């Protein structure tokens, strides 16, 4: 059976922090690759009122069996009290790319 691939996402309100969270996950082999989206505007409830903030979305490409380690690492490194953490299943894609994700997230 092929390993399941997932995309996990979080956000940061600081571009340098987003880059650090991206680089650290790749260097730790917790993600094969990471995309950081250009600043987005987020609206959300926080402590009883609607907030608006500029954030960078960080998307991690990883294998499902590495997801718990990536999540633990992220919660340790992320400065937010409650960082966004959502995962999206990858239901298809090029076999070469999906194999690359698996290879890069499983240290030899």
PDB file of N, CA and C in Angstrom:
ATOM      1  N   UNK A   1       0.843  -1.189   0.000  1.00  0.00           N
ATOM      2  CA  UNK A   1       0.000   0.000   0.000  1.00  0.00           C
ATOM      3  C   UNK A   1       0.881   1.244   0.000  1.00  0.00           C
ATOM      4  N   UNK A   2       0.509   2.225  -0.803  1.00  0.00           N
ATOM      5  CA  UNK A   2       1.256   3.473  -0.850  1.00  0.00           C
ATOM      6  C   UNK A   2       0.962   4.296   0.394  1.00  0.00           C
ATOM      7  N   UNK A   3       1.985   4.952   0.934  1.00  0.00           N
ATOM      8  CA  UNK A   3       1.737   5.829   2.088  1.00  0.00           C
ATOM      9  C   UNK A   3       0.808   6.974   1.711  1.00  0.00           C
ATOM     10  N   UNK A   4      -0.003   7.382   2.661  1.00  0.00           N
ATOM     11  CA  UNK A   4      -0.913   8.507   2.449  1.00  0.00           C
ATOM     12  C   UNK A   4      -0.124   9.812   2.519  1.00  0.00           C
ATOM     13  N   UNK A   5      -0.428  10.724   1.620  1.00  0.00           N
ATOM     14  CA  UNK A   5       0.209  12.040   1.583  1.00  0.00           C
ATOM     15  C   UNK A   5      -0.814  13.066   2.050  1.00  0.00           C
ATOM     16  N   UNK A   6      -0.360  14.045   2.824  1.00  0.00           N
ATOM     17  CA  UNK A   6      -1.243  15.093   3.308  1.00  0.00           C
ATOM     18  C   UNK A   6      -0.582  16.454   3.130  1.00  0.00           C
ATOM     19  N   UNK A   7      -1.422  17.474   3.090  1.00  0.00           N
ATOM     20  CA  UNK A   7      -0.964  18.852   3.159  1.00  0.00           C
ATOM     21  C   UNK A   7      -1.472  19.390   4.492  1.00  0.00           C
ATOM     22  N   UNK A   8      -0.560  19.884   5.302  1.00  0.00           N
ATOM     23  CA  UNK A   8      -0.921  20.460   6.598  1.00  0.00           C
ATOM     24  C   UNK A   8      -0.689  21.965   6.513  1.00  0.00           C
ATOM     25  N   UNK A   9      -1.588  22.732   7.117  1.00  0.00           N
ATOM     26  CA  UNK A   9      -1.479  24.181   7.008  1.00  0.00           C
ATOM     27  C   UNK A   9      -1.538  24.874   8.358  1.00  0.00           C
ATOM     28  N   UNK A  10      -0.780  25.956   8.433  1.00  0.00           N
ATOM     29  CA  UNK A  10      -0.833  26.875   9.551  1.00  0.00           C
ATOM     30  C   UNK A  10      -0.647  28.273   8.989  1.00  0.00           C
ATOM     31  N   UNK A  11      -0.657  29.267   9.849  1.00  0.00           N
ATOM     32  CA  UNK A  11      -0.423  30.646   9.442  1.00  0.00           C
ATOM     33  C   UNK A  11       0.527  31.309  10.430  1.00  0.00           C
ATOM     34  N   UNK A  12       1.101  32.422   9.993  1.00  0.00           N
ATOM     35  CA  UNK A  12       1.957  33.237  10.849  1.00  0.00           C
ATOM     36  C   UNK A  12       1.698  34.699  10.521  1.00  0.00           C
ATOM     37  N   UNK A  13       1.823  35.552  11.511  1.00  0.00           N
ATOM     38  CA  UNK A  13       1.637  36.982  11.260  1.00  0.00           C
ATOM     39  C   UNK A  13       2.957  37.688  10.963  1.00  0.00           C
ATOM     40  N   UNK A  14       3.997  36.904  10.715  1.00  0.00           N
ATOM     41  CA  UNK A  14       5.334  37.455  10.500  1.00  0.00           C
ATOM     42  C   UNK A  14       6.021  36.654   9.399  1.00  0.00           C
ATOM     43  N   UNK A  15       6.456  37.312   8.335  1.00  0.00           N
ATOM     44  CA  UNK A  15       7.063  36.608   7.201  1.00  0.00           C
ATOM     45  C   UNK A  15       8.328  35.852   7.602  1.00  0.00           C
ATOM     46  N   UNK A  16       9.179  36.468   8.409  1.00  0.00           N
ATOM     47  CA  UNK A  16      10.409  35.783   8.832  1.00  0.00           C
ATOM     48  C   UNK A  16      10.095  34.537   9.655  1.00  0.00           C
ATOM     49  N   UNK A  17       9.086  34.639  10.524  1.00  0.00           N
ATOM     50  CA  UNK A  17       8.669  33.476  11.316  1.00  0.00           C
ATOM     51  C   UNK A  17       8.123  32.385  10.393  1.00  0.00           C
ATOM     52  N   UNK A  18       7.350  32.776   9.388  1.00  0.00           N
ATOM     53  CA  UNK A  18       6.819  31.795   8.436  1.00  0.00           C
ATOM     54  C   UNK A  18       7.958  31.062   7.740  1.00  0.00           C
ATOM     55  N   UNK A  19       8.976  31.809   7.329  1.00  0.00           N
ATOM     56  CA  UNK A  19      10.126  31.190   6.665  1.00  0.00           C
ATOM     57  C   UNK A  19      10.875  30.257   7.619  1.00  0.00           C
ATOM     58  N   UNK A  20      10.991  30.642   8.875  1.00  0.00           N
ATOM     59  CA  UNK A  20      11.661  29.784   9.856  1.00  0.00           C
ATOM     60  C   UNK A  20      10.865  28.497  10.086  1.00  0.00           C
ATOM     61  N   UNK A  21       9.536  28.616  10.155  1.00  0.00           N
ATOM     62  CA  UNK A  21       8.702  27.426  10.333  1.00  0.00           C
ATOM     63  C   UNK A  21       8.757  26.521   9.105  1.00  0.00           C
ATOM     64  N   UNK A  22       8.915  27.106   7.944  1.00  0.00           N
ATOM     65  CA  UNK A  22       9.033  26.315   6.710  1.00  0.00           C
ATOM     66  C   UNK A  22      10.386  25.614   6.662  1.00  0.00           C
ATOM     67  N   UNK A  23      11.459  26.385   6.801  1.00  0.00           N
ATOM     68  CA  UNK A  23      12.811  25.828   6.701  1.00  0.00           C
ATOM     69  C   UNK A  23      13.057  24.762   7.773  1.00  0.00           C
ATOM     70  N   UNK A  24      12.636  25.030   8.988  1.00  0.00           N
ATOM     71  CA  UNK A  24      12.859  24.078  10.071  1.00  0.00           C
ATOM     72  C   UNK A  24      12.195  22.737   9.830  1.00  0.00           C
ATOM     73  N   UNK A  25      10.989  22.756   9.291  1.00  0.00           N
ATOM     74  CA  UNK A  25      10.281  21.501   9.016  1.00  0.00           C
ATOM     75  C   UNK A  25      10.970  20.706   7.915  1.00  0.00           C
ATOM     76  N   UNK A  26      11.456  21.409   6.884  1.00  0.00           N
ATOM     77  CA  UNK A  26      12.154  20.717   5.795  1.00  0.00           C
ATOM     78  C   UNK A  26      13.495  20.177   6.295  1.00  0.00           C
ATOM     79  N   UNK A  27      14.245  21.005   7.018  1.00  0.00           N
ATOM     80  CA  UNK A  27      15.541  20.552   7.537  1.00  0.00           C
ATOM     81  C   UNK A  27      15.391  19.355   8.465  1.00  0.00           C
ATOM     82  N   UNK A  28      14.283  19.297   9.191  1.00  0.00           N
ATOM     83  CA  UNK A  28      14.024  18.188  10.115  1.00  0.00           C
ATOM     84  C   UNK A  28      13.417  16.967   9.437  1.00  0.00           C
ATOM     85  N   UNK A  29      13.228  17.039   8.123  1.00  0.00           N
ATOM     86  CA  UNK A  29      12.614  15.949   7.345  1.00  0.00           C
ATOM     87  C   UNK A  29      11.181  15.653   7.783  1.00  0.00           C
ATOM     88  N   UNK A  30      10.514  16.669   8.342  1.00  0.00           N
ATOM     89  CA  UNK A  30       9.113  16.525   8.722  1.00  0.00           C
ATOM     90  C   UNK A  30       8.195  16.858   7.555  1.00  0.00           C
ATOM     91  N   UNK A  31       8.716  17.597   6.589  1.00  0.00           N
ATOM     92  CA  UNK A  31       7.982  17.934   5.366  1.00  0.00           C
ATOM     93  C   UNK A  31       8.950  17.840   4.201  1.00  0.00           C
ATOM     94  N   UNK A  32       8.453  17.371   3.068  1.00  0.00           N
ATOM     95  CA  UNK A  32       9.292  17.292   1.868  1.00  0.00           C
ATOM     96  C   UNK A  32       9.455  18.669   1.254  1.00  0.00           C
ATOM     97  N   UNK A  33       8.413  19.470   1.339  1.00  0.00           N
ATOM     98  CA  UNK A  33       8.442  20.816   0.796  1.00  0.00           C
ATOM     99  C   UNK A  33       7.393  21.659   1.485  1.00  0.00           C
ATOM    100  N   UNK A  34       7.570  22.957   1.415  1.00  0.00           N
ATOM    101  CA  UNK A  34       6.646  23.881   2.068  1.00  0.00           C
ATOM    102  C   UNK A  34       6.405  25.065   1.142  1.00  0.00           C
ATOM    103  N   UNK A  35       5.162  25.479   1.052  1.00  0.00           N
ATOM    104  CA  UNK A  35       4.810  26.696   0.319  1.00  0.00           C
ATOM    105  C   UNK A  35       4.382  27.758   1.325  1.00  0.00           C
ATOM    106  N   UNK A  36       4.815  28.970   1.083  1.00  0.00           N
ATOM    107  CA  UNK A  36       4.348  30.107   1.865  1.00  0.00           C
ATOM    108  C   UNK A  36       3.606  31.024   0.907  1.00  0.00           C
ATOM    109  N   UNK A  37       2.328  31.222   1.164  1.00  0.00           N
ATOM    110  CA  UNK A  37       1.529  32.111   0.329  1.00  0.00           C
ATOM    111  C   UNK A  37       1.795  33.555   0.720  1.00  0.00           C
ATOM    112  N   UNK A  38       1.708  34.427  -0.285  1.00  0.00           N
ATOM    113  CA  UNK A  38       1.858  35.865  -0.063  1.00  0.00           C
ATOM    114  C   UNK A  38       0.896  36.307   1.035  1.00  0.00           C
ATOM    115  N   UNK A  39       1.137  37.443   1.610  1.00  0.00           N
ATOM    116  CA  UNK A  39       0.258  37.877   2.699  1.00  0.00           C
ATOM    117  C   UNK A  39      -1.215  37.801   2.306  1.00  0.00           C
ATOM    118  N   UNK A  40      -1.981  37.291   3.238  1.00  0.00           N
ATOM    119  CA  UNK A  40      -3.431  37.195   3.103  1.00  0.00           C
ATOM    120  C   UNK A  40      -4.044  37.985   4.252  1.00  0.00           C
ATOM    121  N   UNK A  41      -5.284  38.371   4.110  1.00  0.00           N
ATOM    122  CA  UNK A  41      -5.980  39.030   5.208  1.00  0.00           C
ATOM    123  C   UNK A  41      -6.898  38.018   5.863  1.00  0.00           C
ATOM    124  N   UNK A  42      -6.736  37.866   7.159  1.00  0.00           N
ATOM    125  CA  UNK A  42      -7.540  36.914   7.924  1.00  0.00           C
ATOM    126  C   UNK A  42      -8.493  37.678   8.838  1.00  0.00           C
ATOM    127  N   UNK A  43      -9.721  37.229   8.904  1.00  0.00           N
ATOM    128  CA  UNK A  43     -10.706  37.725   9.862  1.00  0.00           C
ATOM    129  C   UNK A  43     -11.104  36.547  10.734  1.00  0.00           C
ATOM    130  N   UNK A  44     -11.177  36.751  12.035  1.00  0.00           N
ATOM    131  CA  UNK A  44     -11.462  35.646  12.951  1.00  0.00           C
ATOM    132  C   UNK A  44     -11.920  36.183  14.302  1.00  0.00           C
ATOM    133  N   UNK A  45     -12.618  35.324  15.041  1.00  0.00           N
ATOM    134  CA  UNK A  45     -13.001  35.651  16.415  1.00  0.00           C
ATOM    135  C   UNK A  45     -11.837  35.348  17.328  1.00  0.00           C
ATOM    136  N   UNK A  46     -11.529  36.291  18.242  1.00  0.00           N
ATOM    137  CA  UNK A  46     -10.501  36.054  19.253  1.00  0.00           C
ATOM    138  C   UNK A  46     -10.862  36.834  20.496  1.00  0.00           C
ATOM    139  N   UNK A  47     -11.044  36.112  21.604  1.00  0.00           N
ATOM    140  CA  UNK A  47     -11.362  36.721  22.901  1.00  0.00           C
ATOM    141  C   UNK A  47     -12.573  37.644  22.813  1.00  0.00           C
ATOM    142  N   UNK A  48     -13.616  37.137  22.131  1.00  0.00           N
ATOM    143  CA  UNK A  48     -14.901  37.824  22.111  1.00  0.00           C
ATOM    144  C   UNK A  48     -15.078  38.927  21.091  1.00  0.00           C
ATOM    145  N   UNK A  49     -14.100  39.140  20.214  1.00  0.00           N
ATOM    146  CA  UNK A  49     -14.292  40.167  19.192  1.00  0.00           C
ATOM    147  C   UNK A  49     -13.675  39.717  17.867  1.00  0.00           C
ATOM    148  N   UNK A  50     -14.144  40.356  16.809  1.00  0.00           N
ATOM    149  CA  UNK A  50     -13.632  40.031  15.480  1.00  0.00           C
ATOM    150  C   UNK A  50     -12.316  40.768  15.275  1.00  0.00           C
ATOM    151  N   UNK A  51     -11.309  40.030  14.877  1.00  0.00           N
ATOM    152  CA  UNK A  51      -9.979  40.569  14.609  1.00  0.00           C
ATOM    153  C   UNK A  51      -9.695  40.478  13.112  1.00  0.00           C
ATOM    154  N   UNK A  52      -8.794  41.303  12.637  1.00  0.00           N
ATOM    155  CA  UNK A  52      -8.295  41.224  11.262  1.00  0.00           C
ATOM    156  C   UNK A  52      -6.784  41.311  11.341  1.00  0.00           C
ATOM    157  N   UNK A  53      -6.120  40.492  10.541  1.00  0.00           N
ATOM    158  CA  UNK A  53      -4.658  40.485  10.578  1.00  0.00           C
ATOM    159  C   UNK A  53      -4.111  40.087   9.220  1.00  0.00           C
ATOM    160  N   UNK A  54      -2.910  40.541   8.960  1.00  0.00           N
ATOM    161  CA  UNK A  54      -2.182  40.095   7.779  1.00  0.00           C
ATOM    162  C   UNK A  54      -1.405  38.849   8.200  1.00  0.00           C
ATOM    163  N   UNK A  55      -1.539  37.780   7.424  1.00  0.00           N
ATOM    164  CA  UNK A  55      -0.867  36.529   7.755  1.00  0.00           C
ATOM    165  C   UNK A  55      -0.276  35.900   6.499  1.00  0.00           C
ATOM    166  N   UNK A  56       0.647  34.982   6.714  1.00  0.00           N
ATOM    167  CA  UNK A  56       1.232  34.173   5.662  1.00  0.00           C
ATOM    168  C   UNK A  56       0.775  32.747   5.906  1.00  0.00           C
ATOM    169  N   UNK A  57       0.177  32.114   4.874  1.00  0.00           N
ATOM    170  CA  UNK A  57      -0.256  30.720   4.979  1.00  0.00           C
ATOM    171  C   UNK A  57       0.931  29.824   4.651  1.00  0.00           C
ATOM    172  N   UNK A  58       1.144  28.842   5.499  1.00  0.00           N
ATOM    173  CA  UNK A  58       2.259  27.911   5.350  1.00  0.00           C
ATOM    174  C   UNK A  58       1.658  26.529   5.102  1.00  0.00           C
ATOM    175  N   UNK A  59       1.989  25.923   3.957  1.00  0.00           N
ATOM    176  CA  UNK A  59       1.454  24.605   3.587  1.00  0.00           C
ATOM    177  C   UNK A  59       2.596  23.602   3.517  1.00  0.00           C
ATOM    178  N   UNK A  60       2.499  22.573   4.331  1.00  0.00           N
ATOM    179  CA  UNK A  60       3.524  21.532   4.415  1.00  0.00           C
ATOM    180  C   UNK A  60       3.076  20.303   3.624  1.00  0.00           C
ATOM    181  N   UNK A  61       3.937  19.784   2.755  1.00  0.00           N
ATOM    182  CA  UNK A  61       3.673  18.541   2.063  1.00  0.00           C
ATOM    183  C   UNK A  61       4.411  17.438   2.823  1.00  0.00           C
ATOM    184  N   UNK A  62       3.654  16.456   3.314  1.00  0.00           N
ATOM    185  CA  UNK A  62       4.270  15.419   4.125  1.00  0.00           C
ATOM    186  C   UNK A  62       3.512  14.109   3.978  1.00  0.00           C
ATOM    187  N   UNK A  63       4.063  13.078   4.574  1.00  0.00           N
ATOM    188  CA  UNK A  63       3.382  11.785   4.586  1.00  0.00           C
ATOM    189  C   UNK A  63       2.617  11.663   5.902  1.00  0.00           C
ATOM    190  N   UNK A  64       1.509  10.945   5.867  1.00  0.00           N
ATOM    191  CA  UNK A  64       0.619  10.866   7.024  1.00  0.00           C
ATOM    192  C   UNK A  64       1.325  10.333   8.267  1.00  0.00           C
ATOM    193  N   UNK A  65       2.249   9.410   8.087  1.00  0.00           N
ATOM    194  CA  UNK A  65       2.915   8.862   9.271  1.00  0.00           C
ATOM    195  C   UNK A  65       3.885   9.848   9.918  1.00  0.00           C
ATOM    196  N   UNK A  66       4.268  10.910   9.217  1.00  0.00           N
ATOM    197  CA  UNK A  66       5.127  11.958   9.787  1.00  0.00           C
ATOM    198  C   UNK A  66       4.317  13.106  10.387  1.00  0.00           C
ATOM    199  N   UNK A  67       3.007  13.080  10.146  1.00  0.00           N
ATOM    200  CA  UNK A  67       2.147  14.167  10.589  1.00  0.00           C
ATOM    201  C   UNK A  67       2.177  14.393  12.106  1.00  0.00           C
ATOM    202  N   UNK A  68       2.085  13.362  12.938  1.00  0.00           N
ATOM    203  CA  UNK A  68       2.137  13.626  14.391  1.00  0.00           C
ATOM    204  C   UNK A  68       3.433  14.320  14.822  1.00  0.00           C
ATOM    205  N   UNK A  69       4.552  13.924  14.266  1.00  0.00           N
ATOM    206  CA  UNK A  69       5.828  14.558  14.617  1.00  0.00           C
ATOM    207  C   UNK A  69       5.863  16.001  14.124  1.00  0.00           C
ATOM    208  N   UNK A  70       5.339  16.252  12.930  1.00  0.00           N
ATOM    209  CA  UNK A  70       5.291  17.618  12.399  1.00  0.00           C
ATOM    210  C   UNK A  70       4.402  18.493  13.274  1.00  0.00           C
ATOM    211  N   UNK A  71       3.256  17.985  13.659  1.00  0.00           N
ATOM    212  CA  UNK A  71       2.339  18.753  14.502  1.00  0.00           C
ATOM    213  C   UNK A  71       2.978  19.074  15.850  1.00  0.00           C
ATOM    214  N   UNK A  72       3.606  18.091  16.482  1.00  0.00           N
ATOM    215  CA  UNK A  72       4.267  18.335  17.770  1.00  0.00           C
ATOM    216  C   UNK A  72       5.371  19.382  17.622  1.00  0.00           C
ATOM    217  N   UNK A  73       6.162  19.264  16.569  1.00  0.00           N
ATOM    218  CA  UNK A  73       7.237  20.218  16.306  1.00  0.00           C
ATOM    219  C   UNK A  73       6.670  21.617  16.123  1.00  0.00           C
ATOM    220  N   UNK A  74       5.602  21.729  15.312  1.00  0.00           N
ATOM    221  CA  UNK A  74       5.010  23.029  15.040  1.00  0.00           C
ATOM    222  C   UNK A  74       4.494  23.684  16.317  1.00  0.00           C
ATOM    223  N   UNK A  75       3.792  22.931  17.145  1.00  0.00           N
ATOM    224  CA  UNK A  75       3.245  23.506  18.373  1.00  0.00           C
ATOM    225  C   UNK A  75       4.358  23.944  19.326  1.00  0.00           C
ATOM    226  N   UNK A  76       5.487  23.306  19.258  1.00  0.00           N
ATOM    227  CA  UNK A  76       6.634  23.707  20.075  1.00  0.00           C
ATOM    228  C   UNK A  76       7.255  25.007  19.560  1.00  0.00           C
ATOM    229  N   UNK A  77       7.311  25.174  18.247  1.00  0.00           N
ATOM    230  CA  UNK A  77       7.997  26.308  17.624  1.00  0.00           C
ATOM    231  C   UNK A  77       7.108  27.521  17.355  1.00  0.00           C
ATOM    232  N   UNK A  78       5.807  27.309  17.214  1.00  0.00           N
ATOM    233  CA  UNK A  78       4.900  28.380  16.788  1.00  0.00           C
ATOM    234  C   UNK A  78       4.634  29.359  17.929  1.00  0.00           C
ATOM    235  N   UNK A  79       4.680  30.663  17.655  1.00  0.00           N
ATOM    236  CA  UNK A  79       4.464  31.641  18.727  1.00  0.00           C
ATOM    237  C   UNK A  79       2.997  31.868  19.116  1.00  0.00           C
ATOM    238  N   UNK A  80       2.024  31.443  18.298  1.00  0.00           N
ATOM    239  CA  UNK A  80       0.617  31.679  18.617  1.00  0.00           C
ATOM    240  C   UNK A  80       0.179  30.816  19.798  1.00  0.00           C
ATOM    241  N   UNK A  81      -0.771  31.326  20.591  1.00  0.00           N
ATOM    242  CA  UNK A  81      -1.382  30.524  21.657  1.00  0.00           C
ATOM    243  C   UNK A  81      -2.141  29.341  21.056  1.00  0.00           C
ATOM    244  N   UNK A  82      -2.865  29.610  19.978  1.00  0.00           N
ATOM    245  CA  UNK A  82      -3.667  28.588  19.286  1.00  0.00           C
ATOM    246  C   UNK A  82      -3.392  28.704  17.792  1.00  0.00           C
ATOM    247  N   UNK A  83      -2.311  28.087  17.319  1.00  0.00           N
ATOM    248  CA  UNK A  83      -2.033  28.188  15.881  1.00  0.00           C
ATOM    249  C   UNK A  83      -3.046  27.392  15.067  1.00  0.00           C
ATOM    250  N   UNK A  84      -3.353  27.933  13.891  1.00  0.00           N
ATOM    251  CA  UNK A  84      -4.177  27.145  12.972  1.00  0.00           C
ATOM    252  C   UNK A  84      -3.421  25.868  12.668  1.00  0.00           C
ATOM    253  N   UNK A  85      -4.115  24.741  12.651  1.00  0.00           N
ATOM    254  CA  UNK A  85      -3.515  23.486  12.238  1.00  0.00           C
ATOM    255  C   UNK A  85      -4.608  22.655  11.602  1.00  0.00           C
ATOM    256  N   UNK A  86      -4.589  22.572  10.290  1.00  0.00           N
ATOM    257  CA  UNK A  86      -5.553  21.764   9.555  1.00  0.00           C
ATOM    258  C   UNK A  86      -4.790  20.884   8.582  1.00  0.00           C
ATOM    259  N   UNK A  87      -5.361  19.736   8.295  1.00  0.00           N
ATOM    260  CA  UNK A  87      -4.741  18.826   7.335  1.00  0.00           C
ATOM    261  C   UNK A  87      -5.729  18.506   6.234  1.00  0.00           C
ATOM    262  N   UNK A  88      -5.184  18.380   5.035  1.00  0.00           N
ATOM    263  CA  UNK A  88      -5.975  18.091   3.851  1.00  0.00           C
ATOM    264  C   UNK A  88      -5.433  16.829   3.207  1.00  0.00           C
ATOM    265  N   UNK A  89      -6.284  15.834   2.974  1.00  0.00           N
ATOM    266  CA  UNK A  89      -5.794  14.627   2.317  1.00  0.00           C
ATOM    267  C   UNK A  89      -5.471  14.899   0.849  1.00  0.00           C
ATOM    268  N   UNK A  90      -4.430  14.290   0.376  1.00  0.00           N
ATOM    269  CA  UNK A  90      -4.098  14.342  -1.044  1.00  0.00           C
ATOM    270  C   UNK A  90      -4.708  13.084  -1.659  1.00  0.00           C
ATOM    271  N   UNK A  91      -5.661  13.269  -2.545  1.00  0.00           N
ATOM    272  CA  UNK A  91      -6.385  12.129  -3.099  1.00  0.00           C
ATOM    273  C   UNK A  91      -5.872  11.712  -4.471  1.00  0.00           C
ATOM    274  N   UNK A  92      -4.876  12.422  -4.957  1.00  0.00           N
ATOM    275  CA  UNK A  92      -4.293  12.076  -6.242  1.00  0.00           C
ATOM    276  C   UNK A  92      -3.134  12.993  -6.538  1.00  0.00           C
ATOM    277  N   UNK A  93      -2.442  12.682  -7.607  1.00  0.00           N
ATOM    278  CA  UNK A  93      -1.307  13.495  -8.010  1.00  0.00           C
ATOM    279  C   UNK A  93      -0.341  12.639  -8.812  1.00  0.00           C
ATOM    280  N   UNK A  94       0.727  13.266  -9.263  1.00  0.00           N
ATOM    281  CA  UNK A  94       1.684  12.505 -10.048  1.00  0.00           C
ATOM    282  C   UNK A  94       2.423  11.517  -9.153  1.00  0.00           C
ATOM    283  N   UNK A  95       2.582  10.328  -9.639  1.00  0.00           N
ATOM    284  CA  UNK A  95       3.251   9.273  -8.867  1.00  0.00           C
ATOM    285  C   UNK A  95       4.670   9.699  -8.491  1.00  0.00           C
ATOM    286  N   UNK A  96       5.365  10.353  -9.402  1.00  0.00           N
ATOM    287  CA  UNK A  96       6.739  10.795  -9.131  1.00  0.00           C
ATOM    288  C   UNK A  96       6.771  11.801  -7.981  1.00  0.00           C
ATOM    289  N   UNK A  97       5.849  12.758  -7.977  1.00  0.00           N
ATOM    290  CA  UNK A  97       5.822  13.765  -6.919  1.00  0.00           C
ATOM    291  C   UNK A  97       5.473  13.132  -5.576  1.00  0.00           C
ATOM    292  N   UNK A  98       4.452  12.307  -5.555  1.00  0.00           N
ATOM    293  CA  UNK A  98       4.041  11.676  -4.308  1.00  0.00           C
ATOM    294  C   UNK A  98       5.143  10.772  -3.751  1.00  0.00           C
ATOM    295  N   UNK A  99       5.857  10.094  -4.618  1.00  0.00           N
ATOM    296  CA  UNK A  99       6.992   9.270  -4.179  1.00  0.00           C
ATOM    297  C   UNK A  99       8.096  10.141  -3.601  1.00  0.00           C
ATOM    298  N   UNK A 100       8.319  11.298  -4.211  1.00  0.00           N
ATOM    299  CA  UNK A 100       9.325  12.232  -3.697  1.00  0.00           C
ATOM    300  C   UNK A 100       8.981  12.685  -2.281  1.00  0.00           C
ATOM    301  N   UNK A 101       7.699  12.993  -2.040  1.00  0.00           N
ATOM    302  CA  UNK A 101       7.271  13.406  -0.698  1.00  0.00           C
ATOM    303  C   UNK A 101       7.597  12.314   0.314  1.00  0.00           C
ATOM    304  N   UNK A 102       7.277  11.081  -0.011  1.00  0.00           N
ATOM    305  CA  UNK A 102       7.558   9.967   0.886  1.00  0.00           C
ATOM    306  C   UNK A 102       9.060   9.832   1.117  1.00  0.00           C
ATOM    307  N   UNK A 103       9.832   9.850   0.041  1.00  0.00           N
ATOM    308  CA  UNK A 103      11.292   9.689   0.162  1.00  0.00           C
ATOM    309  C   UNK A 103      11.904  10.772   1.045  1.00  0.00           C
ATOM    310  N   UNK A 104      11.472  11.993   0.880  1.00  0.00           N
ATOM    311  CA  UNK A 104      12.068  13.115   1.626  1.00  0.00           C
ATOM    312  C   UNK A 104      11.636  13.195   3.075  1.00  0.00           C
ATOM    313  N   UNK A 105      10.545  12.545   3.442  1.00  0.00           N
ATOM    314  CA  UNK A 105      10.083  12.594   4.823  1.00  0.00           C
ATOM    315  C   UNK A 105      10.432  11.337   5.615  1.00  0.00           C
ATOM    316  N   UNK A 106      11.189  10.469   5.019  1.00  0.00           N
ATOM    317  CA  UNK A 106      11.623   9.254   5.709  1.00  0.00           C
ATOM    318  C   UNK A 106      13.136   9.198   5.680  1.00  0.00           C
ATOM    319  N   UNK A 107      13.761   9.729   6.747  1.00  0.00           N
ATOM    320  CA  UNK A 107      15.232   9.730   6.784  1.00  0.00           C
ATOM    321  C   UNK A 107      15.790   8.330   6.604  1.00  0.00           C
ATOM    322  N   UNK A 108      16.895   8.291   5.900  1.00  0.00           N
ATOM    323  CA  UNK A 108      17.528   7.000   5.646  1.00  0.00           C
ATOM    324  C   UNK A 108      18.426   6.598   6.783  1.00  0.00           C
TER     325      UNK A 108
END
